[in-house]
Amino acid sequence: MEKEIKKKICPGCGNEFDCFHNVDCWCTKYTISDANSKYLALHYNDCLCQHCLLKFVDLETDTKL
């Protein structure tokens, strides 16, 4: 089965980016704290691009960066 790639507009910066919209998406490799997850849910209505999402990544626990 082919993975669907969605073109999205980042609500943080307005840039277009690709979203796989599943567990294989690029964003799932990052660790985001509970506090930042809650902030994102309250302030953004859709996925963020990689540049914007990296501002919320927990650098102390994310060893994949």
Protein backbone atom coordinates (compact mmCIF):
# COMPACT_ATOMS: atom_id res chain seq x y z
CA MET A 1 0.00 0.00 0.00
CA GLU A 2 1.38 3.41 -0.94
CA LYS A 3 1.81 6.00 1.74
CA GLU A 4 -0.19 9.14 1.20
CA ILE A 5 1.84 12.33 1.26
CA LYS A 6 -0.13 15.46 2.10
CA LYS A 7 1.05 18.93 1.23
CA LYS A 8 0.41 21.16 4.22
CA ILE A 9 0.94 24.79 5.08
CA CYS A 10 2.69 25.27 8.42
CA PRO A 11 0.58 27.36 10.81
CA GLY A 12 3.80 28.56 12.45
CA CYS A 13 5.58 30.06 9.44
CA GLY A 14 3.35 29.63 6.37
CA ASN A 15 5.79 27.40 4.47
CA GLU A 16 4.57 24.34 2.56
CA PHE A 17 5.83 20.91 3.67
CA ASP A 18 5.14 17.21 3.18
CA CYS A 19 3.22 15.28 5.84
CA PHE A 20 2.88 11.49 5.72
CA HIS A 21 0.04 11.68 8.26
CA ASN A 22 0.89 8.33 9.88
CA VAL A 23 3.38 6.69 12.26
CA ASP A 24 6.06 6.73 9.54
CA CYS A 25 6.02 10.52 9.23
CA TRP A 26 9.29 12.38 9.72
CA CYS A 27 7.88 14.14 12.80
CA THR A 28 7.54 10.91 14.80
CA LYS A 29 11.32 10.68 15.22
CA TYR A 30 11.31 13.67 17.59
CA THR A 31 10.60 13.71 21.32
CA ILE A 32 8.29 16.46 22.53
CA SER A 33 7.65 17.03 26.23
CA ASP A 34 4.14 16.81 27.62
CA ALA A 35 4.17 20.55 28.32
CA ASN A 36 5.19 21.38 24.75
CA SER A 37 2.63 18.92 23.35
CA LYS A 38 -0.10 20.68 25.32
CA TYR A 39 1.15 24.08 24.12
CA LEU A 40 1.15 22.92 20.50
CA ALA A 41 -2.38 21.53 20.80
CA LEU A 42 -3.64 24.81 22.26
CA HIS A 43 -1.90 27.16 19.83
CA TYR A 44 -1.81 25.34 16.47
CA ASN A 45 -4.61 23.70 14.55
CA ASP A 46 -2.41 21.49 12.35
CA CYS A 47 1.05 19.98 11.96
CA LEU A 48 4.13 22.19 11.98
CA CYS A 49 6.95 22.02 9.45
CA GLN A 50 10.26 20.56 10.60
CA HIS A 51 11.84 23.99 11.15
CA CYS A 52 9.03 25.11 13.46
CA LEU A 53 8.62 21.75 15.20
CA LEU A 54 12.31 21.68 16.14
CA LYS A 55 11.68 24.69 18.40
CA PHE A 56 9.59 22.37 20.61
CA VAL A 57 11.76 19.24 20.57
CA ASP A 58 13.09 18.13 23.94
CA LEU A 59 16.83 18.26 23.21
CA GLU A 60 17.77 16.73 26.56
CA THR A 61 15.89 13.47 25.94
CA ASP A 62 15.94 13.31 22.15
CA THR A 63 19.06 11.36 21.23
CA LYS A 64 18.13 11.11 17.54
CA LEU A 65 19.25 14.64 16.72
